[in-house]
Amino acid sequence: MERYDHLYDVAENANVRFFGFVTERTRHDFGIVYTNKFYGKPLVICMQTGQSTLLGSEDAVNPEYLKKIFRLDCSDEAKMLSHFFQEHLPSLPFEENQY
């Protein structure tokens, strides 16, 4: 049996918010998990593709990053998502991760 190093096992009550909306091109459904882990960055999950990323409002200003992470074909959709996430994700000061 292989040896492994246990990194963490933390239970936390997290807030989860679900967003669904449509644009001219497509439908978007996201789950956003607000947690104290991961330096305070929310975990954003695309419900259609299962793609997920840790995303803060400071990260959301980069449409090309969103286009890559969420596998979008259209730059206009990425810009729209950038605007959406900048409005809906908290901007948090950097804090040392507790775990």
PDB file of N, CA and C in Angstrom:
ATOM      1  N   MET A   1       0.836  -1.170   0.000  1.00  0.00           N
ATOM      2  CA  MET A   1       0.000   0.000   0.000  1.00  0.00           C
ATOM      3  C   MET A   1       0.890   1.245   0.000  1.00  0.00           C
ATOM      4  N   GLU A   2       0.528   2.232  -0.837  1.00  0.00           N
ATOM      5  CA  GLU A   2       1.309   3.451  -0.920  1.00  0.00           C
ATOM      6  C   GLU A   2       1.082   4.338   0.293  1.00  0.00           C
ATOM      7  N   ARG A   3       2.103   5.048   0.647  1.00  0.00           N
ATOM      8  CA  ARG A   3       2.014   6.014   1.736  1.00  0.00           C
ATOM      9  C   ARG A   3       1.524   7.340   1.176  1.00  0.00           C
ATOM     10  N   TYR A   4       0.715   8.032   1.928  1.00  0.00           N
ATOM     11  CA  TYR A   4       0.288   9.368   1.535  1.00  0.00           C
ATOM     12  C   TYR A   4       0.363  10.284   2.740  1.00  0.00           C
ATOM     13  N   ASP A   5       0.546  11.565   2.470  1.00  0.00           N
ATOM     14  CA  ASP A   5       0.595  12.569   3.517  1.00  0.00           C
ATOM     15  C   ASP A   5      -0.749  13.272   3.570  1.00  0.00           C
ATOM     16  N   HIS A   6      -1.351  13.253   4.737  1.00  0.00           N
ATOM     17  CA  HIS A   6      -2.647  13.907   4.937  1.00  0.00           C
ATOM     18  C   HIS A   6      -2.420  15.416   5.004  1.00  0.00           C
ATOM     19  N   LEU A   7      -3.072  16.169   4.115  1.00  0.00           N
ATOM     20  CA  LEU A   7      -2.879  17.618   4.083  1.00  0.00           C
ATOM     21  C   LEU A   7      -3.889  18.363   4.933  1.00  0.00           C
ATOM     22  N   TYR A   8      -5.160  18.059   4.782  1.00  0.00           N
ATOM     23  CA  TYR A   8      -6.171  18.689   5.621  1.00  0.00           C
ATOM     24  C   TYR A   8      -7.490  17.950   5.498  1.00  0.00           C
ATOM     25  N   ASP A   9      -8.307  18.132   6.506  1.00  0.00           N
ATOM     26  CA  ASP A   9      -9.663  17.589   6.556  1.00  0.00           C
ATOM     27  C   ASP A   9     -10.464  18.571   7.405  1.00  0.00           C
ATOM     28  N   VAL A  10     -11.136  19.502   6.729  1.00  0.00           N
ATOM     29  CA  VAL A  10     -11.801  20.600   7.413  1.00  0.00           C
ATOM     30  C   VAL A  10     -13.270  20.614   7.034  1.00  0.00           C
ATOM     31  N   ALA A  11     -14.124  20.685   8.026  1.00  0.00           N
ATOM     32  CA  ALA A  11     -15.551  20.863   7.774  1.00  0.00           C
ATOM     33  C   ALA A  11     -15.875  22.335   7.982  1.00  0.00           C
ATOM     34  N   GLU A  12     -16.716  22.858   7.104  1.00  0.00           N
ATOM     35  CA  GLU A  12     -17.066  24.278   7.181  1.00  0.00           C
ATOM     36  C   GLU A  12     -18.485  24.461   6.664  1.00  0.00           C
ATOM     37  N   ASN A  13     -19.233  25.309   7.312  1.00  0.00           N
ATOM     38  CA  ASN A  13     -20.533  25.701   6.782  1.00  0.00           C
ATOM     39  C   ASN A  13     -20.285  26.829   5.791  1.00  0.00           C
ATOM     40  N   ALA A  14     -20.541  26.565   4.533  1.00  0.00           N
ATOM     41  CA  ALA A  14     -20.263  27.544   3.484  1.00  0.00           C
ATOM     42  C   ALA A  14     -21.571  28.061   2.893  1.00  0.00           C
ATOM     43  N   ASN A  15     -21.549  29.305   2.446  1.00  0.00           N
ATOM     44  CA  ASN A  15     -22.682  29.860   1.728  1.00  0.00           C
ATOM     45  C   ASN A  15     -22.554  29.504   0.257  1.00  0.00           C
ATOM     46  N   VAL A  16     -23.658  29.106  -0.340  1.00  0.00           N
ATOM     47  CA  VAL A  16     -23.670  28.758  -1.756  1.00  0.00           C
ATOM     48  C   VAL A  16     -24.748  29.583  -2.431  1.00  0.00           C
ATOM     49  N   ARG A  17     -24.409  30.123  -3.586  1.00  0.00           N
ATOM     50  CA  ARG A  17     -25.362  30.923  -4.354  1.00  0.00           C
ATOM     51  C   ARG A  17     -25.388  30.375  -5.772  1.00  0.00           C
ATOM     52  N   PHE A  18     -26.579  30.259  -6.330  1.00  0.00           N
ATOM     53  CA  PHE A  18     -26.725  29.762  -7.688  1.00  0.00           C
ATOM     54  C   PHE A  18     -27.239  30.877  -8.580  1.00  0.00           C
ATOM     55  N   PHE A  19     -26.614  31.044  -9.734  1.00  0.00           N
ATOM     56  CA  PHE A  19     -27.023  32.038 -10.716  1.00  0.00           C
ATOM     57  C   PHE A  19     -27.343  31.344 -12.026  1.00  0.00           C
ATOM     58  N   GLY A  20     -28.443  31.683 -12.623  1.00  0.00           N
ATOM     59  CA  GLY A  20     -28.783  31.219 -13.956  1.00  0.00           C
ATOM     60  C   GLY A  20     -29.252  32.402 -14.771  1.00  0.00           C
ATOM     61  N   PHE A  21     -28.734  32.537 -15.972  1.00  0.00           N
ATOM     62  CA  PHE A  21     -29.146  33.634 -16.843  1.00  0.00           C
ATOM     63  C   PHE A  21     -28.866  33.255 -18.290  1.00  0.00           C
ATOM     64  N   VAL A  22     -29.507  33.958 -19.187  1.00  0.00           N
ATOM     65  CA  VAL A  22     -29.309  33.714 -20.617  1.00  0.00           C
ATOM     66  C   VAL A  22     -28.809  34.986 -21.283  1.00  0.00           C
ATOM     67  N   THR A  23     -28.033  34.798 -22.328  1.00  0.00           N
ATOM     68  CA  THR A  23     -27.597  35.891 -23.184  1.00  0.00           C
ATOM     69  C   THR A  23     -28.141  35.599 -24.572  1.00  0.00           C
ATOM     70  N   GLU A  24     -27.776  36.426 -25.531  1.00  0.00           N
ATOM     71  CA  GLU A  24     -28.226  36.189 -26.903  1.00  0.00           C
ATOM     72  C   GLU A  24     -27.678  34.879 -27.449  1.00  0.00           C
ATOM     73  N   ARG A  25     -26.533  34.437 -26.936  1.00  0.00           N
ATOM     74  CA  ARG A  25     -25.863  33.260 -27.495  1.00  0.00           C
ATOM     75  C   ARG A  25     -26.089  31.963 -26.718  1.00  0.00           C
ATOM     76  N   THR A  26     -26.215  32.071 -25.390  1.00  0.00           N
ATOM     77  CA  THR A  26     -26.224  30.830 -24.603  1.00  0.00           C
ATOM     78  C   THR A  26     -26.849  31.039 -23.227  1.00  0.00           C
ATOM     79  N   ARG A  27     -27.003  29.927 -22.532  1.00  0.00           N
ATOM     80  CA  ARG A  27     -27.469  29.934 -21.152  1.00  0.00           C
ATOM     81  C   ARG A  27     -26.278  29.676 -20.247  1.00  0.00           C
ATOM     82  N   HIS A  28     -26.281  30.315 -19.088  1.00  0.00           N
ATOM     83  CA  HIS A  28     -25.226  30.116 -18.099  1.00  0.00           C
ATOM     84  C   HIS A  28     -25.863  29.757 -16.769  1.00  0.00           C
ATOM     85  N   ASP A  29     -25.308  28.755 -16.121  1.00  0.00           N
ATOM     86  CA  ASP A  29     -25.714  28.351 -14.778  1.00  0.00           C
ATOM     87  C   ASP A  29     -24.446  28.159 -13.956  1.00  0.00           C
ATOM     88  N   PHE A  30     -24.323  28.907 -12.877  1.00  0.00           N
ATOM     89  CA  PHE A  30     -23.139  28.834 -12.038  1.00  0.00           C
ATOM     90  C   PHE A  30     -23.528  28.610 -10.590  1.00  0.00           C
ATOM     91  N   GLY A  31     -22.718  27.837  -9.898  1.00  0.00           N
ATOM     92  CA  GLY A  31     -22.779  27.722  -8.456  1.00  0.00           C
ATOM     93  C   GLY A  31     -21.558  28.431  -7.902  1.00  0.00           C
ATOM     94  N   ILE A  32     -21.758  29.261  -6.912  1.00  0.00           N
ATOM     95  CA  ILE A  32     -20.644  29.980  -6.292  1.00  0.00           C
ATOM     96  C   ILE A  32     -20.617  29.609  -4.812  1.00  0.00           C
ATOM     97  N   VAL A  33     -19.524  29.011  -4.393  1.00  0.00           N
ATOM     98  CA  VAL A  33     -19.356  28.562  -3.011  1.00  0.00           C
ATOM     99  C   VAL A  33     -18.439  29.558  -2.306  1.00  0.00           C
ATOM    100  N   TYR A  34     -19.022  30.294  -1.359  1.00  0.00           N
ATOM    101  CA  TYR A  34     -18.266  31.261  -0.573  1.00  0.00           C
ATOM    102  C   TYR A  34     -17.725  30.539   0.645  1.00  0.00           C
ATOM    103  N   THR A  35     -16.402  30.552   0.802  1.00  0.00           N
ATOM    104  CA  THR A  35     -15.746  29.786   1.845  1.00  0.00           C
ATOM    105  C   THR A  35     -14.600  30.587   2.447  1.00  0.00           C
ATOM    106  N   ASN A  36     -14.137  30.182   3.604  1.00  0.00           N
ATOM    107  CA  ASN A  36     -12.963  30.798   4.208  1.00  0.00           C
ATOM    108  C   ASN A  36     -11.671  30.125   3.751  1.00  0.00           C
ATOM    109  N   LYS A  37     -11.789  29.018   3.063  1.00  0.00           N
ATOM    110  CA  LYS A  37     -10.617  28.334   2.510  1.00  0.00           C
ATOM    111  C   LYS A  37     -10.143  29.075   1.272  1.00  0.00           C
ATOM    112  N   PHE A  38      -9.029  28.683   0.763  1.00  0.00           N
ATOM    113  CA  PHE A  38      -8.508  29.181  -0.515  1.00  0.00           C
ATOM    114  C   PHE A  38      -8.313  30.695  -0.508  1.00  0.00           C
ATOM    115  N   TYR A  39      -7.803  31.210   0.600  1.00  0.00           N
ATOM    116  CA  TYR A  39      -7.505  32.636   0.732  1.00  0.00           C
ATOM    117  C   TYR A  39      -8.733  33.507   0.515  1.00  0.00           C
ATOM    118  N   GLY A  40      -9.910  32.973   0.787  1.00  0.00           N
ATOM    119  CA  GLY A  40     -11.146  33.734   0.684  1.00  0.00           C
ATOM    120  C   GLY A  40     -11.736  33.813  -0.709  1.00  0.00           C
ATOM    121  N   LYS A  41     -11.112  33.172  -1.697  1.00  0.00           N
ATOM    122  CA  LYS A  41     -11.657  33.208  -3.055  1.00  0.00           C
ATOM    123  C   LYS A  41     -12.794  32.202  -3.176  1.00  0.00           C
ATOM    124  N   PRO A  42     -13.921  32.614  -3.743  1.00  0.00           N
ATOM    125  CA  PRO A  42     -15.027  31.679  -3.930  1.00  0.00           C
ATOM    126  C   PRO A  42     -14.693  30.625  -4.992  1.00  0.00           C
ATOM    127  N   LEU A  43     -15.287  29.463  -4.827  1.00  0.00           N
ATOM    128  CA  LEU A  43     -15.189  28.399  -5.818  1.00  0.00           C
ATOM    129  C   LEU A  43     -16.363  28.577  -6.768  1.00  0.00           C
ATOM    130  N   VAL A  44     -16.078  28.823  -8.041  1.00  0.00           N
ATOM    131  CA  VAL A  44     -17.105  29.054  -9.055  1.00  0.00           C
ATOM    132  C   VAL A  44     -17.187  27.819  -9.937  1.00  0.00           C
ATOM    133  N   ILE A  45     -18.392  27.259 -10.056  1.00  0.00           N
ATOM    134  CA  ILE A  45     -18.599  26.024 -10.810  1.00  0.00           C
ATOM    135  C   ILE A  45     -19.604  26.274 -11.921  1.00  0.00           C
ATOM    136  N   CYS A  46     -19.209  25.938 -13.154  1.00  0.00           N
ATOM    137  CA  CYS A  46     -20.134  26.004 -14.280  1.00  0.00           C
ATOM    138  C   CYS A  46     -20.968  24.731 -14.243  1.00  0.00           C
ATOM    139  N   MET A  47     -22.268  24.870 -14.102  1.00  0.00           N
ATOM    140  CA  MET A  47     -23.131  23.699 -13.944  1.00  0.00           C
ATOM    141  C   MET A  47     -23.294  22.919 -15.249  1.00  0.00           C
ATOM    142  N   GLN A  48     -23.069  23.552 -16.421  1.00  0.00           N
ATOM    143  CA  GLN A  48     -23.184  22.826 -17.681  1.00  0.00           C
ATOM    144  C   GLN A  48     -21.970  21.934 -17.949  1.00  0.00           C
ATOM    145  N   THR A  49     -20.768  22.461 -17.699  1.00  0.00           N
ATOM    146  CA  THR A  49     -19.559  21.721 -18.073  1.00  0.00           C
ATOM    147  C   THR A  49     -18.867  21.060 -16.886  1.00  0.00           C
ATOM    148  N   GLY A  50     -19.183  21.511 -15.674  1.00  0.00           N
ATOM    149  CA  GLY A  50     -18.488  21.003 -14.509  1.00  0.00           C
ATOM    150  C   GLY A  50     -17.144  21.676 -14.285  1.00  0.00           C
ATOM    151  N   GLN A  51     -16.768  22.605 -15.159  1.00  0.00           N
ATOM    152  CA  GLN A  51     -15.516  23.333 -14.986  1.00  0.00           C
ATOM    153  C   GLN A  51     -15.624  24.186 -13.729  1.00  0.00           C
ATOM    154  N   SER A  52     -14.538  24.272 -12.999  1.00  0.00           N
ATOM    155  CA  SER A  52     -14.547  25.076 -11.789  1.00  0.00           C
ATOM    156  C   SER A  52     -13.217  25.790 -11.632  1.00  0.00           C
ATOM    157  N   THR A  53     -13.255  26.869 -10.874  1.00  0.00           N
ATOM    158  CA  THR A  53     -12.046  27.629 -10.593  1.00  0.00           C
ATOM    159  C   THR A  53     -12.252  28.445  -9.330  1.00  0.00           C
ATOM    160  N   LEU A  54     -11.166  28.776  -8.684  1.00  0.00           N
ATOM    161  CA  LEU A  54     -11.210  29.742  -7.590  1.00  0.00           C
ATOM    162  C   LEU A  54     -11.136  31.107  -8.241  1.00  0.00           C
ATOM    163  N   LEU A  55     -12.105  31.956  -7.942  1.00  0.00           N
ATOM    164  CA  LEU A  55     -12.213  33.202  -8.688  1.00  0.00           C
ATOM    165  C   LEU A  55     -12.620  34.348  -7.778  1.00  0.00           C
ATOM    166  N   GLY A  56     -11.781  35.361  -7.706  1.00  0.00           N
ATOM    167  CA  GLY A  56     -12.116  36.581  -6.990  1.00  0.00           C
ATOM    168  C   GLY A  56     -12.442  37.671  -7.993  1.00  0.00           C
ATOM    169  N   SER A  57     -13.022  38.751  -7.529  1.00  0.00           N
ATOM    170  CA  SER A  57     -13.382  39.833  -8.448  1.00  0.00           C
ATOM    171  C   SER A  57     -12.154  40.391  -9.157  1.00  0.00           C
ATOM    172  N   GLU A  58     -10.996  40.350  -8.496  1.00  0.00           N
ATOM    173  CA  GLU A  58      -9.775  40.823  -9.141  1.00  0.00           C
ATOM    174  C   GLU A  58      -9.333  39.908 -10.282  1.00  0.00           C
ATOM    175  N   ASP A  59      -9.720  38.632 -10.240  1.00  0.00           N
ATOM    176  CA  ASP A  59      -9.420  37.695 -11.326  1.00  0.00           C
ATOM    177  C   ASP A  59     -10.409  37.850 -12.476  1.00  0.00           C
ATOM    178  N   ALA A  60     -11.615  38.278 -12.142  1.00  0.00           N
ATOM    179  CA  ALA A  60     -12.698  38.339 -13.122  1.00  0.00           C
ATOM    180  C   ALA A  60     -12.506  39.456 -14.139  1.00  0.00           C
ATOM    181  N   VAL A  61     -11.562  40.344 -13.921  1.00  0.00           N
ATOM    182  CA  VAL A  61     -11.342  41.424 -14.876  1.00  0.00           C
ATOM    183  C   VAL A  61     -10.648  40.939 -16.149  1.00  0.00           C
ATOM    184  N   ASN A  62     -10.249  39.681 -16.194  1.00  0.00           N
ATOM    185  CA  ASN A  62      -9.541  39.133 -17.344  1.00  0.00           C
ATOM    186  C   ASN A  62     -10.464  38.219 -18.157  1.00  0.00           C
ATOM    187  N   PRO A  63     -11.139  38.750 -19.185  1.00  0.00           N
ATOM    188  CA  PRO A  63     -12.054  37.933 -19.985  1.00  0.00           C
ATOM    189  C   PRO A  63     -11.384  36.742 -20.668  1.00  0.00           C
ATOM    190  N   GLU A  64     -10.131  36.894 -21.070  1.00  0.00           N
ATOM    191  CA  GLU A  64      -9.435  35.785 -21.740  1.00  0.00           C
ATOM    192  C   GLU A  64      -9.236  34.602 -20.788  1.00  0.00           C
ATOM    193  N   TYR A  65      -8.984  34.894 -19.530  1.00  0.00           N
ATOM    194  CA  TYR A  65      -8.862  33.841 -18.525  1.00  0.00           C
ATOM    195  C   TYR A  65     -10.196  33.109 -18.375  1.00  0.00           C
ATOM    196  N   LEU A  66     -11.283  33.865 -18.289  1.00  0.00           N
ATOM    197  CA  LEU A  66     -12.613  33.258 -18.168  1.00  0.00           C
ATOM    198  C   LEU A  66     -12.955  32.444 -19.404  1.00  0.00           C
ATOM    199  N   LYS A  67     -12.574  32.947 -20.555  1.00  0.00           N
ATOM    200  CA  LYS A  67     -12.833  32.227 -21.816  1.00  0.00           C
ATOM    201  C   LYS A  67     -12.145  30.859 -21.799  1.00  0.00           C
ATOM    202  N   LYS A  68     -10.927  30.838 -21.325  1.00  0.00           N
ATOM    203  CA  LYS A  68     -10.170  29.581 -21.254  1.00  0.00           C
ATOM    204  C   LYS A  68     -10.755  28.637 -20.195  1.00  0.00           C
ATOM    205  N   ILE A  69     -10.957  29.145 -18.977  1.00  0.00           N
ATOM    206  CA  ILE A  69     -11.412  28.307 -17.866  1.00  0.00           C
ATOM    207  C   ILE A  69     -12.781  27.693 -18.137  1.00  0.00           C
ATOM    208  N   PHE A  70     -13.708  28.507 -18.661  1.00  0.00           N
ATOM    209  CA  PHE A  70     -15.068  28.019 -18.863  1.00  0.00           C
ATOM    210  C   PHE A  70     -15.334  27.563 -20.299  1.00  0.00           C
ATOM    211  N   ARG A  71     -14.261  27.444 -21.095  1.00  0.00           N
ATOM    212  CA  ARG A  71     -14.330  26.908 -22.458  1.00  0.00           C
ATOM    213  C   ARG A  71     -15.368  27.634 -23.312  1.00  0.00           C
ATOM    214  N   LEU A  72     -15.239  28.946 -23.356  1.00  0.00           N
ATOM    215  CA  LEU A  72     -16.159  29.761 -24.144  1.00  0.00           C
ATOM    216  C   LEU A  72     -15.604  29.960 -25.546  1.00  0.00           C
ATOM    217  N   ASP A  73     -16.490  29.970 -26.541  1.00  0.00           N
ATOM    218  CA  ASP A  73     -16.079  30.172 -27.926  1.00  0.00           C
ATOM    219  C   ASP A  73     -16.015  31.644 -28.306  1.00  0.00           C
ATOM    220  N   CYS A  74     -16.763  32.467 -27.615  1.00  0.00           N
ATOM    221  CA  CYS A  74     -16.967  33.848 -28.019  1.00  0.00           C
ATOM    222  C   CYS A  74     -16.347  34.824 -27.017  1.00  0.00           C
ATOM    223  N   SER A  75     -15.550  35.749 -27.529  1.00  0.00           N
ATOM    224  CA  SER A  75     -14.937  36.760 -26.659  1.00  0.00           C
ATOM    225  C   SER A  75     -15.980  37.674 -26.030  1.00  0.00           C
ATOM    226  N   ASP A  76     -17.074  37.938 -26.748  1.00  0.00           N
ATOM    227  CA  ASP A  76     -18.129  38.782 -26.184  1.00  0.00           C
ATOM    228  C   ASP A  76     -18.775  38.120 -24.968  1.00  0.00           C
ATOM    229  N   GLU A  77     -18.946  36.793 -25.011  1.00  0.00           N
ATOM    230  CA  GLU A  77     -19.488  36.069 -23.855  1.00  0.00           C
ATOM    231  C   GLU A  77     -18.527  36.165 -22.680  1.00  0.00           C
ATOM    232  N   ALA A  78     -17.236  36.056 -22.949  1.00  0.00           N
ATOM    233  CA  ALA A  78     -16.237  36.155 -21.884  1.00  0.00           C
ATOM    234  C   ALA A  78     -16.259  37.546 -21.260  1.00  0.00           C
ATOM    235  N   LYS A  79     -16.428  38.583 -22.061  1.00  0.00           N
ATOM    236  CA  LYS A  79     -16.507  39.950 -21.533  1.00  0.00           C
ATOM    237  C   LYS A  79     -17.760  40.121 -20.673  1.00  0.00           C
ATOM    238  N   MET A  80     -18.871  39.527 -21.124  1.00  0.00           N
ATOM    239  CA  MET A  80     -20.114  39.609 -20.363  1.00  0.00           C
ATOM    240  C   MET A  80     -19.951  38.892 -19.022  1.00  0.00           C
ATOM    241  N   LEU A  81     -19.326  37.710 -19.031  1.00  0.00           N
ATOM    242  CA  LEU A  81     -19.091  36.991 -17.776  1.00  0.00           C
ATOM    243  C   LEU A  81     -18.149  37.774 -16.862  1.00  0.00           C
ATOM    244  N   SER A  82     -17.153  38.411 -17.447  1.00  0.00           N
ATOM    245  CA  SER A  82     -16.234  39.225 -16.664  1.00  0.00           C
ATOM    246  C   SER A  82     -17.003  40.310 -15.918  1.00  0.00           C
ATOM    247  N   HIS A  83     -17.860  40.988 -16.604  1.00  0.00           N
ATOM    248  CA  HIS A  83     -18.676  42.038 -15.984  1.00  0.00           C
ATOM    249  C   HIS A  83     -19.577  41.444 -14.894  1.00  0.00           C
ATOM    250  N   PHE A  84     -20.220  40.324 -15.190  1.00  0.00           N
ATOM    251  CA  PHE A  84     -21.103  39.660 -14.234  1.00  0.00           C
ATOM    252  C   PHE A  84     -20.349  39.288 -12.961  1.00  0.00           C
ATOM    253  N   PHE A  85     -19.202  38.621 -13.105  1.00  0.00           N
ATOM    254  CA  PHE A  85     -18.459  38.174 -11.932  1.00  0.00           C
ATOM    255  C   PHE A  85     -17.882  39.349 -11.143  1.00  0.00           C
ATOM    256  N   GLN A  86     -17.485  40.413 -11.807  1.00  0.00           N
ATOM    257  CA  GLN A  86     -16.986  41.580 -11.083  1.00  0.00           C
ATOM    258  C   GLN A  86     -18.073  42.159 -10.175  1.00  0.00           C
ATOM    259  N   GLU A  87     -19.321  42.061 -10.598  1.00  0.00           N
ATOM    260  CA  GLU A  87     -20.427  42.563  -9.790  1.00  0.00           C
ATOM    261  C   GLU A  87     -20.834  41.615  -8.666  1.00  0.00           C
ATOM    262  N   HIS A  88     -20.635  40.297  -8.869  1.00  0.00           N
ATOM    263  CA  HIS A  88     -21.183  39.316  -7.933  1.00  0.00           C
ATOM    264  C   HIS A  88     -20.155  38.609  -7.049  1.00  0.00           C
ATOM    265  N   LEU A  89     -18.883  38.825  -7.314  1.00  0.00           N
ATOM    266  CA  LEU A  89     -17.864  38.194  -6.466  1.00  0.00           C
ATOM    267  C   LEU A  89     -17.288  39.241  -5.519  1.00  0.00           C
ATOM    268  N   PRO A  90     -17.042  38.851  -4.283  1.00  0.00           N
ATOM    269  CA  PRO A  90     -16.492  39.827  -3.330  1.00  0.00           C
ATOM    270  C   PRO A  90     -15.031  40.127  -3.629  1.00  0.00           C
ATOM    271  N   SER A  91     -14.641  41.345  -3.369  1.00  0.00           N
ATOM    272  CA  SER A  91     -13.213  41.666  -3.423  1.00  0.00           C
ATOM    273  C   SER A  91     -12.711  41.605  -1.987  1.00  0.00           C
ATOM    274  N   LEU A  92     -11.835  40.675  -1.753  1.00  0.00           N
ATOM    275  CA  LEU A  92     -11.364  40.426  -0.392  1.00  0.00           C
ATOM    276  C   LEU A  92      -9.900  40.792  -0.261  1.00  0.00           C
ATOM    277  N   PRO A  93      -9.508  41.316   0.874  1.00  0.00           N
ATOM    278  CA  PRO A  93      -8.084  41.550   1.104  1.00  0.00           C
ATOM    279  C   PRO A  93      -7.376  40.211   1.272  1.00  0.00           C
ATOM    280  N   PHE A  94      -6.115  40.172   0.906  1.00  0.00           N
ATOM    281  CA  PHE A  94      -5.342  38.944   1.052  1.00  0.00           C
ATOM    282  C   PHE A  94      -5.220  38.579   2.516  1.00  0.00           C
ATOM    283  N   GLU A  95      -5.525  37.319   2.818  1.00  0.00           N
ATOM    284  CA  GLU A  95      -5.350  36.816   4.171  1.00  0.00           C
ATOM    285  C   GLU A  95      -4.593  35.507   4.097  1.00  0.00           C
ATOM    286  N   GLU A  96      -3.767  35.277   5.065  1.00  0.00           N
ATOM    287  CA  GLU A  96      -3.029  34.031   5.151  1.00  0.00           C
ATOM    288  C   GLU A  96      -4.000  32.879   5.305  1.00  0.00           C
ATOM    289  N   ASN A  97      -3.830  31.814   4.525  1.00  0.00           N
ATOM    290  CA  ASN A  97      -4.697  30.637   4.632  1.00  0.00           C
ATOM    291  C   ASN A  97      -4.405  29.958   5.964  1.00  0.00           C
ATOM    292  N   GLN A  98      -5.463  29.598   6.687  1.00  0.00           N
ATOM    293  CA  GLN A  98      -5.328  29.025   8.017  1.00  0.00           C
ATOM    294  C   GLN A  98      -4.921  27.552   7.998  1.00  0.00           C
ATOM    295  N   TYR A  99      -4.991  26.894   6.845  1.00  0.00           N
ATOM    296  CA  TYR A  99      -4.771  25.444   6.819  1.00  0.00           C
ATOM    297  C   TYR A  99      -3.649  25.075   5.886  1.00  0.00           C
TER     298      TYR A  99
END
